[in-house]
Amino acid sequence: MGIKLKASYETEIYISQGGYLVIHQVNGLGEESRILLSPDQARAVASEISHQLEDTTWWNSVVPEDKSD
């Protein structure tokens, strides 16, 4: 299962009381999406993002959002 957060919705990022990194969005209908990452998962994502940001081709290209979500 994949989760794609919509670029058009405000995104909150915070640490939960349980110590997880939370990425949270509420869509226009009030439906919530949350991604919880453990500290180890958050470190792995941060490390990978650092490497990916060196190659600007993936974030300079426009990819249409999947309307089926």
PDB file of N, CA and C in Angstrom:
ATOM      1  N   MET A   1       0.851  -1.175   0.000  1.00  0.00           N
ATOM      2  CA  MET A   1       0.000   0.000   0.000  1.00  0.00           C
ATOM      3  C   MET A   1       0.895   1.236   0.000  1.00  0.00           C
ATOM      4  N   GLY A   2       0.590   2.178  -0.849  1.00  0.00           N
ATOM      5  CA  GLY A   2       1.332   3.422  -0.904  1.00  0.00           C
ATOM      6  C   GLY A   2       0.486   4.575  -0.403  1.00  0.00           C
ATOM      7  N   ILE A   3       1.144   5.547   0.167  1.00  0.00           N
ATOM      8  CA  ILE A   3       0.458   6.751   0.632  1.00  0.00           C
ATOM      9  C   ILE A   3       1.091   7.923  -0.095  1.00  0.00           C
ATOM     10  N   LYS A   4       0.255   8.703  -0.766  1.00  0.00           N
ATOM     11  CA  LYS A   4       0.740   9.894  -1.451  1.00  0.00           C
ATOM     12  C   LYS A   4       0.052  11.096  -0.834  1.00  0.00           C
ATOM     13  N   LEU A   5       0.837  11.948  -0.198  1.00  0.00           N
ATOM     14  CA  LEU A   5       0.283  13.164   0.385  1.00  0.00           C
ATOM     15  C   LEU A   5       0.120  14.198  -0.719  1.00  0.00           C
ATOM     16  N   LYS A   6      -0.992  14.874  -0.732  1.00  0.00           N
ATOM     17  CA  LYS A   6      -1.287  15.867  -1.765  1.00  0.00           C
ATOM     18  C   LYS A   6      -0.515  17.157  -1.502  1.00  0.00           C
ATOM     19  N   ALA A   7       0.127  17.661  -2.532  1.00  0.00           N
ATOM     20  CA  ALA A   7       0.900  18.894  -2.404  1.00  0.00           C
ATOM     21  C   ALA A   7       0.013  20.098  -2.109  1.00  0.00           C
ATOM     22  N   SER A   8      -1.269  20.013  -2.443  1.00  0.00           N
ATOM     23  CA  SER A   8      -2.172  21.151  -2.279  1.00  0.00           C
ATOM     24  C   SER A   8      -2.725  21.295  -0.860  1.00  0.00           C
ATOM     25  N   TYR A   9      -2.484  20.315   0.012  1.00  0.00           N
ATOM     26  CA  TYR A   9      -2.990  20.391   1.387  1.00  0.00           C
ATOM     27  C   TYR A   9      -1.860  20.764   2.339  1.00  0.00           C
ATOM     28  N   GLU A  10      -2.207  21.554   3.347  1.00  0.00           N
ATOM     29  CA  GLU A  10      -1.227  21.923   4.361  1.00  0.00           C
ATOM     30  C   GLU A  10      -0.714  20.660   5.054  1.00  0.00           C
ATOM     31  N   THR A  11       0.575  20.624   5.289  1.00  0.00           N
ATOM     32  CA  THR A  11       1.205  19.459   5.914  1.00  0.00           C
ATOM     33  C   THR A  11       1.841  19.876   7.230  1.00  0.00           C
ATOM     34  N   GLU A  12       1.505  19.156   8.288  1.00  0.00           N
ATOM     35  CA  GLU A  12       2.125  19.364   9.593  1.00  0.00           C
ATOM     36  C   GLU A  12       3.120  18.241   9.839  1.00  0.00           C
ATOM     37  N   ILE A  13       4.246  18.584  10.432  1.00  0.00           N
ATOM     38  CA  ILE A  13       5.235  17.585  10.830  1.00  0.00           C
ATOM     39  C   ILE A  13       5.581  17.861  12.279  1.00  0.00           C
ATOM     40  N   TYR A  14       5.458  16.825  13.110  1.00  0.00           N
ATOM     41  CA  TYR A  14       5.738  16.993  14.537  1.00  0.00           C
ATOM     42  C   TYR A  14       6.140  15.659  15.148  1.00  0.00           C
ATOM     43  N   ILE A  15       6.610  15.703  16.384  1.00  0.00           N
ATOM     44  CA  ILE A  15       6.965  14.502  17.136  1.00  0.00           C
ATOM     45  C   ILE A  15       5.806  14.171  18.065  1.00  0.00           C
ATOM     46  N   SER A  16       5.338  12.924  18.001  1.00  0.00           N
ATOM     47  CA  SER A  16       4.226  12.498  18.853  1.00  0.00           C
ATOM     48  C   SER A  16       4.704  12.290  20.286  1.00  0.00           C
ATOM     49  N   GLN A  17       3.753  12.162  21.200  1.00  0.00           N
ATOM     50  CA  GLN A  17       4.097  11.888  22.590  1.00  0.00           C
ATOM     51  C   GLN A  17       4.841  10.567  22.722  1.00  0.00           C
ATOM     52  N   GLY A  18       4.586   9.639  21.816  1.00  0.00           N
ATOM     53  CA  GLY A  18       5.258   8.343  21.848  1.00  0.00           C
ATOM     54  C   GLY A  18       6.633   8.345  21.192  1.00  0.00           C
ATOM     55  N   GLY A  19       7.055   9.500  20.656  1.00  0.00           N
ATOM     56  CA  GLY A  19       8.386   9.614  20.074  1.00  0.00           C
ATOM     57  C   GLY A  19       8.475   9.338  18.585  1.00  0.00           C
ATOM     58  N   TYR A  20       7.338   9.299  17.900  1.00  0.00           N
ATOM     59  CA  TYR A  20       7.336   9.077  16.455  1.00  0.00           C
ATOM     60  C   TYR A  20       7.302  10.409  15.719  1.00  0.00           C
ATOM     61  N   LEU A  21       7.949  10.453  14.560  1.00  0.00           N
ATOM     62  CA  LEU A  21       7.828  11.596  13.668  1.00  0.00           C
ATOM     63  C   LEU A  21       6.508  11.425  12.932  1.00  0.00           C
ATOM     64  N   VAL A  22       5.648  12.438  12.984  1.00  0.00           N
ATOM     65  CA  VAL A  22       4.323  12.360  12.373  1.00  0.00           C
ATOM     66  C   VAL A  22       4.253  13.355  11.222  1.00  0.00           C
ATOM     67  N   ILE A  23       3.799  12.878  10.070  1.00  0.00           N
ATOM     68  CA  ILE A  23       3.495  13.735   8.926  1.00  0.00           C
ATOM     69  C   ILE A  23       1.983  13.666   8.783  1.00  0.00           C
ATOM     70  N   HIS A  24       1.320  14.808   8.893  1.00  0.00           N
ATOM     71  CA  HIS A  24      -0.143  14.843   9.029  1.00  0.00           C
ATOM     72  C   HIS A  24      -0.750  15.816   8.029  1.00  0.00           C
ATOM     73  N   GLN A  25      -1.827  15.391   7.377  1.00  0.00           N
ATOM     74  CA  GLN A  25      -2.601  16.249   6.480  1.00  0.00           C
ATOM     75  C   GLN A  25      -4.086  16.022   6.715  1.00  0.00           C
ATOM     76  N   VAL A  26      -4.859  17.093   6.494  1.00  0.00           N
ATOM     77  CA  VAL A  26      -6.320  17.002   6.487  1.00  0.00           C
ATOM     78  C   VAL A  26      -6.767  17.514   5.124  1.00  0.00           C
ATOM     79  N   ASN A  27      -7.561  16.709   4.403  1.00  0.00           N
ATOM     80  CA  ASN A  27      -8.004  17.138   3.079  1.00  0.00           C
ATOM     81  C   ASN A  27      -9.220  18.054   3.189  1.00  0.00           C
ATOM     82  N   GLY A  28      -9.719  18.498   2.060  1.00  0.00           N
ATOM     83  CA  GLY A  28     -10.847  19.418   2.024  1.00  0.00           C
ATOM     84  C   GLY A  28     -12.134  18.863   2.603  1.00  0.00           C
ATOM     85  N   LEU A  29     -12.234  17.547   2.732  1.00  0.00           N
ATOM     86  CA  LEU A  29     -13.421  16.909   3.306  1.00  0.00           C
ATOM     87  C   LEU A  29     -13.242  16.584   4.786  1.00  0.00           C
ATOM     88  N   GLY A  30     -12.114  16.978   5.346  1.00  0.00           N
ATOM     89  CA  GLY A  30     -11.853  16.707   6.757  1.00  0.00           C
ATOM     90  C   GLY A  30     -11.259  15.341   7.039  1.00  0.00           C
ATOM     91  N   GLU A  31     -10.943  14.577   5.989  1.00  0.00           N
ATOM     92  CA  GLU A  31     -10.330  13.262   6.177  1.00  0.00           C
ATOM     93  C   GLU A  31      -8.843  13.437   6.474  1.00  0.00           C
ATOM     94  N   GLU A  32      -8.352  12.699   7.458  1.00  0.00           N
ATOM     95  CA  GLU A  32      -6.965  12.834   7.890  1.00  0.00           C
ATOM     96  C   GLU A  32      -6.091  11.727   7.319  1.00  0.00           C
ATOM     97  N   SER A  33      -4.857  12.102   7.001  1.00  0.00           N
ATOM     98  CA  SER A  33      -3.815  11.140   6.636  1.00  0.00           C
ATOM     99  C   SER A  33      -2.652  11.381   7.578  1.00  0.00           C
ATOM    100  N   ARG A  34      -2.128  10.295   8.143  1.00  0.00           N
ATOM    101  CA  ARG A  34      -0.973  10.396   9.033  1.00  0.00           C
ATOM    102  C   ARG A  34       0.032   9.323   8.657  1.00  0.00           C
ATOM    103  N   ILE A  35       1.279   9.716   8.658  1.00  0.00           N
ATOM    104  CA  ILE A  35       2.378   8.775   8.499  1.00  0.00           C
ATOM    105  C   ILE A  35       3.206   8.888   9.767  1.00  0.00           C
ATOM    106  N   LEU A  36       3.429   7.769  10.440  1.00  0.00           N
ATOM    107  CA  LEU A  36       4.238   7.743  11.653  1.00  0.00           C
ATOM    108  C   LEU A  36       5.530   7.000  11.362  1.00  0.00           C
ATOM    109  N   LEU A  37       6.643   7.629  11.705  1.00  0.00           N
ATOM    110  CA  LEU A  37       7.952   7.025  11.508  1.00  0.00           C
ATOM    111  C   LEU A  37       8.661   6.906  12.848  1.00  0.00           C
ATOM    112  N   SER A  38       9.232   5.744  13.109  1.00  0.00           N
ATOM    113  CA  SER A  38      10.045   5.570  14.314  1.00  0.00           C
ATOM    114  C   SER A  38      11.306   6.421  14.158  1.00  0.00           C
ATOM    115  N   PRO A  39      12.039   6.660  15.239  1.00  0.00           N
ATOM    116  CA  PRO A  39      13.284   7.424  15.108  1.00  0.00           C
ATOM    117  C   PRO A  39      14.241   6.815  14.072  1.00  0.00           C
ATOM    118  N   ASP A  40      14.378   5.491  14.057  1.00  0.00           N
ATOM    119  CA  ASP A  40      15.262   4.850  13.070  1.00  0.00           C
ATOM    120  C   ASP A  40      14.751   5.056  11.647  1.00  0.00           C
ATOM    121  N   GLN A  41      13.449   4.950  11.455  1.00  0.00           N
ATOM    122  CA  GLN A  41      12.874   5.173  10.125  1.00  0.00           C
ATOM    123  C   GLN A  41      13.063   6.627   9.695  1.00  0.00           C
ATOM    124  N   ALA A  42      12.861   7.566  10.619  1.00  0.00           N
ATOM    125  CA  ALA A  42      13.029   8.987  10.304  1.00  0.00           C
ATOM    126  C   ALA A  42      14.477   9.283   9.916  1.00  0.00           C
ATOM    127  N   ARG A  43      15.437   8.684  10.626  1.00  0.00           N
ATOM    128  CA  ARG A  43      16.851   8.872  10.280  1.00  0.00           C
ATOM    129  C   ARG A  43      17.142   8.323   8.879  1.00  0.00           C
ATOM    130  N   ALA A  44      16.586   7.157   8.567  1.00  0.00           N
ATOM    131  CA  ALA A  44      16.806   6.561   7.244  1.00  0.00           C
ATOM    132  C   ALA A  44      16.219   7.441   6.142  1.00  0.00           C
ATOM    133  N   VAL A  45      15.017   7.971   6.366  1.00  0.00           N
ATOM    134  CA  VAL A  45      14.384   8.857   5.383  1.00  0.00           C
ATOM    135  C   VAL A  45      15.204  10.135   5.225  1.00  0.00           C
ATOM    136  N   ALA A  46      15.646  10.720   6.327  1.00  0.00           N
ATOM    137  CA  ALA A  46      16.443  11.950   6.267  1.00  0.00           C
ATOM    138  C   ALA A  46      17.741  11.721   5.494  1.00  0.00           C
ATOM    139  N   SER A  47      18.382  10.596   5.731  1.00  0.00           N
ATOM    140  CA  SER A  47      19.622  10.275   5.025  1.00  0.00           C
ATOM    141  C   SER A  47      19.373  10.118   3.530  1.00  0.00           C
ATOM    142  N   GLU A  48      18.323   9.405   3.179  1.00  0.00           N
ATOM    143  CA  GLU A  48      18.010   9.185   1.764  1.00  0.00           C
ATOM    144  C   GLU A  48      17.613  10.489   1.078  1.00  0.00           C
ATOM    145  N   ILE A  49      16.846  11.321   1.751  1.00  0.00           N
ATOM    146  CA  ILE A  49      16.457  12.609   1.164  1.00  0.00           C
ATOM    147  C   ILE A  49      17.690  13.457   0.897  1.00  0.00           C
ATOM    148  N   SER A  50      18.637  13.459   1.829  1.00  0.00           N
ATOM    149  CA  SER A  50      19.877  14.221   1.627  1.00  0.00           C
ATOM    150  C   SER A  50      20.573  13.794   0.342  1.00  0.00           C
ATOM    151  N   HIS A  51      20.640  12.494   0.102  1.00  0.00           N
ATOM    152  CA  HIS A  51      21.264  12.002  -1.130  1.00  0.00           C
ATOM    153  C   HIS A  51      20.427  12.342  -2.358  1.00  0.00           C
ATOM    154  N   GLN A  52      19.127  12.195  -2.273  1.00  0.00           N
ATOM    155  CA  GLN A  52      18.252  12.453  -3.419  1.00  0.00           C
ATOM    156  C   GLN A  52      18.232  13.929  -3.811  1.00  0.00           C
ATOM    157  N   LEU A  53      18.374  14.827  -2.846  1.00  0.00           N
ATOM    158  CA  LEU A  53      18.345  16.257  -3.155  1.00  0.00           C
ATOM    159  C   LEU A  53      19.552  16.697  -3.979  1.00  0.00           C
ATOM    160  N   GLU A  54      20.609  15.896  -3.982  1.00  0.00           N
ATOM    161  CA  GLU A  54      21.774  16.206  -4.810  1.00  0.00           C
ATOM    162  C   GLU A  54      21.442  16.062  -6.296  1.00  0.00           C
ATOM    163  N   ASP A  55      20.479  15.226  -6.646  1.00  0.00           N
ATOM    164  CA  ASP A  55      20.031  15.028  -8.024  1.00  0.00           C
ATOM    165  C   ASP A  55      18.713  15.778  -8.198  1.00  0.00           C
ATOM    166  N   THR A  56      18.784  16.966  -8.772  1.00  0.00           N
ATOM    167  CA  THR A  56      17.600  17.826  -8.855  1.00  0.00           C
ATOM    168  C   THR A  56      16.616  17.411  -9.941  1.00  0.00           C
ATOM    169  N   THR A  57      16.945  16.442 -10.765  1.00  0.00           N
ATOM    170  CA  THR A  57      16.044  16.095 -11.868  1.00  0.00           C
ATOM    171  C   THR A  57      14.710  15.557 -11.383  1.00  0.00           C
ATOM    172  N   TRP A  58      14.683  14.849 -10.265  1.00  0.00           N
ATOM    173  CA  TRP A  58      13.416  14.251  -9.815  1.00  0.00           C
ATOM    174  C   TRP A  58      12.471  15.277  -9.236  1.00  0.00           C
ATOM    175  N   TRP A  59      12.934  16.351  -8.653  1.00  0.00           N
ATOM    176  CA  TRP A  59      12.008  17.322  -8.081  1.00  0.00           C
ATOM    177  C   TRP A  59      11.828  18.562  -8.929  1.00  0.00           C
ATOM    178  N   ASN A  60      12.574  18.690 -10.019  1.00  0.00           N
ATOM    179  CA  ASN A  60      12.348  19.793 -10.954  1.00  0.00           C
ATOM    180  C   ASN A  60      11.335  19.430 -12.032  1.00  0.00           C
ATOM    181  N   SER A  61      11.064  18.143 -12.197  1.00  0.00           N
ATOM    182  CA  SER A  61      10.085  17.736 -13.201  1.00  0.00           C
ATOM    183  C   SER A  61       8.700  17.710 -12.573  1.00  0.00           C
ATOM    184  N   VAL A  62       7.708  18.032 -13.363  1.00  0.00           N
ATOM    185  CA  VAL A  62       6.330  18.051 -12.880  1.00  0.00           C
ATOM    186  C   VAL A  62       5.708  16.691 -13.152  1.00  0.00           C
ATOM    187  N   VAL A  63       5.209  16.063 -12.101  1.00  0.00           N
ATOM    188  CA  VAL A  63       4.538  14.775 -12.227  1.00  0.00           C
ATOM    189  C   VAL A  63       3.086  14.984 -11.839  1.00  0.00           C
ATOM    190  N   PRO A  64       2.143  14.699 -12.740  1.00  0.00           N
ATOM    191  CA  PRO A  64       0.727  14.905 -12.399  1.00  0.00           C
ATOM    192  C   PRO A  64       0.308  14.005 -11.239  1.00  0.00           C
ATOM    193  N   GLU A  65      -0.515  14.553 -10.349  1.00  0.00           N
ATOM    194  CA  GLU A  65      -1.004  13.775  -9.211  1.00  0.00           C
ATOM    195  C   GLU A  65      -2.025  12.761  -9.681  1.00  0.00           C
ATOM    196  N   ASP A  66      -2.014  11.607  -9.050  1.00  0.00           N
ATOM    197  CA  ASP A  66      -2.980  10.548  -9.345  1.00  0.00           C
ATOM    198  C   ASP A  66      -4.327  10.967  -8.775  1.00  0.00           C
ATOM    199  N   LYS A  67      -5.313  11.140  -9.621  1.00  0.00           N
ATOM    200  CA  LYS A  67      -6.636  11.608  -9.185  1.00  0.00           C
ATOM    201  C   LYS A  67      -7.474  10.500  -8.559  1.00  0.00           C
ATOM    202  N   SER A  68      -6.983   9.267  -8.566  1.00  0.00           N
ATOM    203  CA  SER A  68      -7.757   8.154  -8.015  1.00  0.00           C
ATOM    204  C   SER A  68      -7.666   8.055  -6.505  1.00  0.00           C
ATOM    205  N   ASP A  69      -6.766   8.807  -5.877  1.00  0.00           N
ATOM    206  CA  ASP A  69      -6.595   8.740  -4.416  1.00  0.00           C
ATOM    207  C   ASP A  69      -7.743   9.384  -3.690  1.00  0.00           C
TER     208      ASP A  69
END
